[in-house]
Amino acid sequence: PAVMAIVPAHLMRSVGGGYDNESIALTAMCLTFFLWIRSVRNDHSWHWGVLTGLAYTYMVAAWGGYIFVLNMIAVHAGILMLLGRYSSSLHRAYTLFYVIGTYGAMSVPVVGWAPLKSLEQLGAFGIF
């Protein structure tokens, strides 16, 4: 948090730098990433995937760049699998995130069925 307070790119997209929806979106994006990392911390923290999915839904409702967040989490899960760090906890956390997040994203009227139709988002489905 302290670093983000002085990064110029974040400052111009924060409440101090503008009044658009990006200030909400950056908070939602950081929250989603934090909760994802928390959900894969150890074998007993997979239940944080539920909150990750809910934070992702909030992110989708706040900003059109939600595909970046989805793909970054999918890439992280894929790299963990390639590095031999696959576990049932990773599978549960990603499944909870993906199912809750995709359902929540499809509930946003502007997004609709795009998570299941868009080629940009099919990579995350492939990891699922």
Protein backbone atom coordinates (compact mmCIF):
# COMPACT_ATOMS: atom_id res chain seq x y z
CA PRO A 1 0.00 0.00 0.00
CA ALA A 2 2.77 2.48 0.81
CA VAL A 3 4.42 1.89 -2.56
CA MET A 4 1.17 2.42 -4.43
CA ALA A 5 0.78 5.81 -2.75
CA ILE A 6 3.86 7.18 -4.50
CA VAL A 7 3.73 5.41 -7.88
CA PRO A 8 2.81 8.09 -10.46
CA ALA A 9 0.82 5.67 -12.66
CA HIS A 10 -1.34 4.72 -9.69
CA LEU A 11 -1.68 8.29 -8.42
CA MET A 12 -3.12 9.57 -11.69
CA ARG A 13 -5.65 6.71 -11.65
CA SER A 14 -6.57 7.06 -8.00
CA VAL A 15 -9.07 9.28 -6.26
CA GLY A 16 -6.36 11.93 -5.97
CA GLY A 17 -5.73 11.93 -9.71
CA GLY A 18 -9.15 11.49 -11.25
CA TYR A 19 -12.81 10.92 -10.70
CA ASP A 20 -13.45 8.10 -13.11
CA ASN A 21 -14.15 4.49 -12.16
CA GLU A 22 -10.46 3.54 -12.31
CA SER A 23 -9.89 4.47 -8.68
CA ILE A 24 -12.46 1.86 -7.67
CA ALA A 25 -11.11 -0.62 -10.19
CA LEU A 26 -7.53 -0.45 -8.92
CA THR A 27 -8.72 -1.16 -5.41
CA ALA A 28 -10.80 -4.08 -6.65
CA MET A 29 -7.90 -5.40 -8.73
CA CYS A 30 -5.47 -5.27 -5.79
CA LEU A 31 -8.08 -6.90 -3.56
CA THR A 32 -8.63 -9.70 -6.08
CA PHE A 33 -4.91 -10.38 -6.43
CA PHE A 34 -4.38 -10.26 -2.66
CA LEU A 35 -7.21 -12.72 -2.04
CA TRP A 36 -5.92 -15.03 -4.78
CA ILE A 37 -2.45 -15.13 -3.26
CA ARG A 38 -4.06 -15.69 0.13
CA SER A 39 -6.11 -18.59 -1.26
CA VAL A 40 -3.04 -20.47 -2.52
CA ARG A 41 -0.87 -19.75 0.53
CA ASN A 42 -1.17 -23.23 2.05
CA ASP A 43 -3.30 -26.37 1.87
CA HIS A 44 -5.89 -25.02 4.30
CA SER A 45 -6.49 -21.60 2.74
CA TRP A 46 -8.34 -22.66 -0.43
CA HIS A 47 -11.64 -21.34 0.96
CA TRP A 48 -10.36 -17.81 0.30
CA GLY A 49 -11.16 -18.61 -3.34
CA VAL A 50 -14.79 -17.73 -2.60
CA LEU A 51 -13.81 -14.20 -1.60
CA THR A 52 -11.49 -14.01 -4.62
CA GLY A 53 -14.44 -14.80 -6.90
CA LEU A 54 -16.58 -12.16 -5.19
CA ALA A 55 -13.82 -9.56 -5.43
CA TYR A 56 -13.42 -10.44 -9.12
CA THR A 57 -17.15 -9.92 -9.62
CA TYR A 58 -16.80 -6.49 -8.04
CA MET A 59 -13.87 -5.84 -10.36
CA VAL A 60 -15.93 -6.81 -13.42
CA ALA A 61 -18.75 -4.47 -12.38
CA ALA A 62 -16.30 -1.61 -11.83
CA TRP A 63 -14.02 -1.77 -14.86
CA GLY A 64 -13.88 -3.06 -18.42
CA GLY A 65 -10.30 -4.30 -18.03
CA TYR A 66 -11.43 -7.27 -15.95
CA ILE A 67 -10.02 -9.71 -18.54
CA PHE A 68 -6.50 -8.78 -17.44
CA VAL A 69 -7.22 -9.92 -13.88
CA LEU A 70 -8.77 -13.18 -15.04
CA ASN A 71 -5.86 -13.98 -17.32
CA MET A 72 -3.20 -13.09 -14.73
CA ILE A 73 -4.75 -15.44 -12.17
CA ALA A 74 -5.07 -18.16 -14.83
CA VAL A 75 -1.42 -17.69 -15.85
CA HIS A 76 -0.34 -17.89 -12.21
CA ALA A 77 -2.32 -21.10 -11.68
CA GLY A 78 -0.91 -22.55 -14.91
CA ILE A 79 2.67 -21.72 -13.95
CA LEU A 80 2.15 -23.29 -10.54
CA MET A 81 0.99 -26.47 -12.27
CA LEU A 82 3.95 -26.46 -14.68
CA LEU A 83 6.37 -26.01 -11.79
CA GLY A 84 4.96 -29.06 -10.05
CA ARG A 85 3.18 -27.08 -7.34
CA TYR A 86 -0.22 -28.52 -8.22
CA SER A 87 -2.31 -29.58 -5.25
CA SER A 88 -5.95 -30.20 -4.50
CA SER A 89 -5.90 -26.89 -2.63
CA LEU A 90 -4.87 -25.04 -5.82
CA HIS A 91 -7.58 -26.84 -7.75
CA ARG A 92 -10.24 -25.96 -5.17
CA ALA A 93 -9.15 -22.32 -4.92
CA TYR A 94 -9.10 -21.85 -8.71
CA THR A 95 -12.39 -23.68 -9.16
CA LEU A 96 -14.11 -21.53 -6.56
CA PHE A 97 -12.62 -18.38 -8.05
CA TYR A 98 -13.49 -19.33 -11.62
CA VAL A 99 -17.05 -20.56 -11.03
CA ILE A 100 -18.09 -17.75 -8.67
CA GLY A 101 -16.23 -15.10 -10.66
CA THR A 102 -17.56 -16.21 -14.04
CA TYR A 103 -21.12 -16.48 -12.76
CA GLY A 104 -20.80 -13.06 -11.17
CA ALA A 105 -19.31 -11.60 -14.34
CA MET A 106 -22.16 -13.01 -16.41
CA SER A 107 -24.58 -11.33 -14.01
CA VAL A 108 -23.25 -7.90 -14.99
CA PRO A 109 -25.55 -6.76 -17.84
CA VAL A 110 -22.79 -5.20 -19.96
CA VAL A 111 -20.72 -8.41 -19.87
CA GLY A 112 -23.43 -11.03 -20.36
CA TRP A 113 -22.21 -14.26 -21.97
CA ALA A 114 -18.83 -12.81 -22.97
CA PRO A 115 -16.84 -14.90 -20.45
CA LEU A 116 -17.92 -18.06 -22.29
CA LYS A 117 -17.73 -16.65 -25.84
CA SER A 118 -14.66 -14.41 -25.88
CA LEU A 119 -11.39 -15.92 -27.10
CA GLU A 120 -9.52 -13.68 -24.66
CA GLN A 121 -11.13 -15.50 -21.75
CA LEU A 122 -10.97 -19.09 -23.00
CA GLY A 123 -7.43 -19.55 -21.70
CA ALA A 124 -8.72 -19.23 -18.15
CA PHE A 125 -11.41 -21.77 -18.97
CA GLY A 126 -8.70 -24.11 -20.27
CA ILE A 127 -6.88 -23.92 -16.93
CA PHE A 128 -10.19 -24.66 -15.21
